[in-house]
Amino acid sequence: MIETYLQYGQWVILFLSIMSLYLVSSVKHETRLNGYILTGVSRFAGATIFIFVDLYAFVIANLIQTYIAFQGYFKNKNAGEIYRTDKS
């Protein structure tokens, strides 16, 4: 069961990671925000995969990347709200 999860899960996480990079690189504010959320989700999923294969350094690295992604989301969300209020 775990082998199947690892075998197919890695490809799902790869797909999520590629999609998140695509979304984060967008010039549209809302699309970038979605990219930050997807980055956090895919990094957290990566951390769970690394727990099963006992690669704890990668678990820590992925959890740090998860934190940075969600921190980027909240900073950019606040910056977008300030930008919108300044425009109107």
Protein backbone atom coordinates (compact mmCIF):
# COMPACT_ATOMS: atom_id res chain seq x y z
CA MET A 1 0.00 0.00 0.00
CA ILE A 2 2.71 2.49 0.96
CA GLU A 3 4.76 1.53 -2.09
CA THR A 4 1.79 2.36 -4.32
CA TYR A 5 1.32 5.68 -2.53
CA LEU A 6 5.00 6.51 -3.02
CA GLN A 7 5.05 5.35 -6.62
CA TYR A 8 2.06 7.37 -7.78
CA GLY A 9 2.23 10.11 -5.18
CA GLN A 10 5.59 11.33 -6.41
CA TRP A 11 4.14 11.98 -9.88
CA VAL A 12 1.14 13.82 -8.47
CA ILE A 13 3.46 15.99 -6.39
CA LEU A 14 5.66 16.65 -9.42
CA PHE A 15 2.60 17.76 -11.39
CA LEU A 16 1.43 20.00 -8.52
CA SER A 17 4.90 21.52 -8.21
CA ILE A 18 5.07 22.33 -11.93
CA MET A 19 1.58 23.84 -11.84
CA SER A 20 2.46 25.93 -8.80
CA LEU A 21 5.57 27.30 -10.49
CA TYR A 22 3.49 28.19 -13.52
CA LEU A 23 0.91 29.99 -11.38
CA VAL A 24 3.48 31.84 -9.23
CA SER A 25 5.18 33.16 -12.35
CA SER A 26 1.97 34.82 -13.56
CA VAL A 27 1.65 38.60 -13.77
CA LYS A 28 -1.92 38.48 -12.46
CA HIS A 29 -2.18 38.98 -8.71
CA GLU A 30 -4.95 36.42 -8.06
CA THR A 31 -3.18 33.76 -10.12
CA ARG A 32 0.03 34.31 -8.15
CA LEU A 33 -1.88 33.92 -4.89
CA ASN A 34 -3.27 30.61 -6.10
CA GLY A 35 0.28 29.59 -7.00
CA TYR A 36 1.47 30.27 -3.46
CA ILE A 37 -1.31 28.12 -2.03
CA LEU A 38 -0.59 25.29 -4.47
CA THR A 39 3.13 25.54 -3.68
CA GLY A 40 2.42 25.15 0.02
CA VAL A 41 0.15 22.17 -0.58
CA SER A 42 2.60 20.42 -2.90
CA ARG A 43 5.57 21.01 -0.56
CA PHE A 44 3.57 19.66 2.38
CA ALA A 45 2.64 16.62 0.31
CA GLY A 46 6.31 16.20 -0.53
CA ALA A 47 7.14 16.25 3.16
CA THR A 48 4.68 13.42 3.78
CA ILE A 49 6.29 11.35 1.02
CA PHE A 50 9.74 11.87 2.55
CA ILE A 51 8.49 10.78 5.97
CA PHE A 52 7.62 7.36 4.55
CA VAL A 53 11.10 6.90 3.08
CA ASP A 54 12.89 8.18 6.21
CA LEU A 55 14.52 11.20 4.56
CA TYR A 56 14.03 13.59 7.45
CA ALA A 57 16.30 16.33 6.09
CA PHE A 58 14.00 16.58 3.08
CA VAL A 59 10.98 16.59 5.36
CA ILE A 60 12.40 19.59 7.19
CA ALA A 61 13.30 21.30 3.90
CA ASN A 62 9.79 20.78 2.53
CA LEU A 63 8.19 22.05 5.72
CA ILE A 64 10.35 25.18 5.53
CA GLN A 65 9.29 25.65 1.90
CA THR A 66 5.66 25.17 2.97
CA TYR A 67 6.03 27.90 5.58
CA ILE A 68 7.70 30.24 3.08
CA ALA A 69 4.97 29.61 0.48
CA PHE A 70 2.15 30.41 2.89
CA GLN A 71 4.05 33.42 4.24
CA GLY A 72 4.43 34.65 0.65
CA TYR A 73 0.71 34.16 0.11
CA PHE A 74 -0.26 36.28 3.11
CA LYS A 75 2.29 39.01 2.34
CA ASN A 76 1.17 39.23 -1.28
CA LYS A 77 -2.49 39.11 -0.33
CA ASN A 78 -2.00 42.06 2.02
CA ALA A 79 0.05 43.92 -0.59
CA GLY A 80 -2.68 43.36 -3.17
CA GLU A 81 -5.34 44.72 -0.83
CA ILE A 82 -3.26 47.83 -0.10
CA TYR A 83 -2.68 48.32 -3.83
CA ARG A 84 -6.42 48.07 -4.55
CA THR A 85 -7.34 50.63 -1.89
CA ASP A 86 -4.69 53.03 -3.17
CA LYS A 87 -6.03 52.75 -6.72
CA SER A 88 -9.64 53.61 -5.85
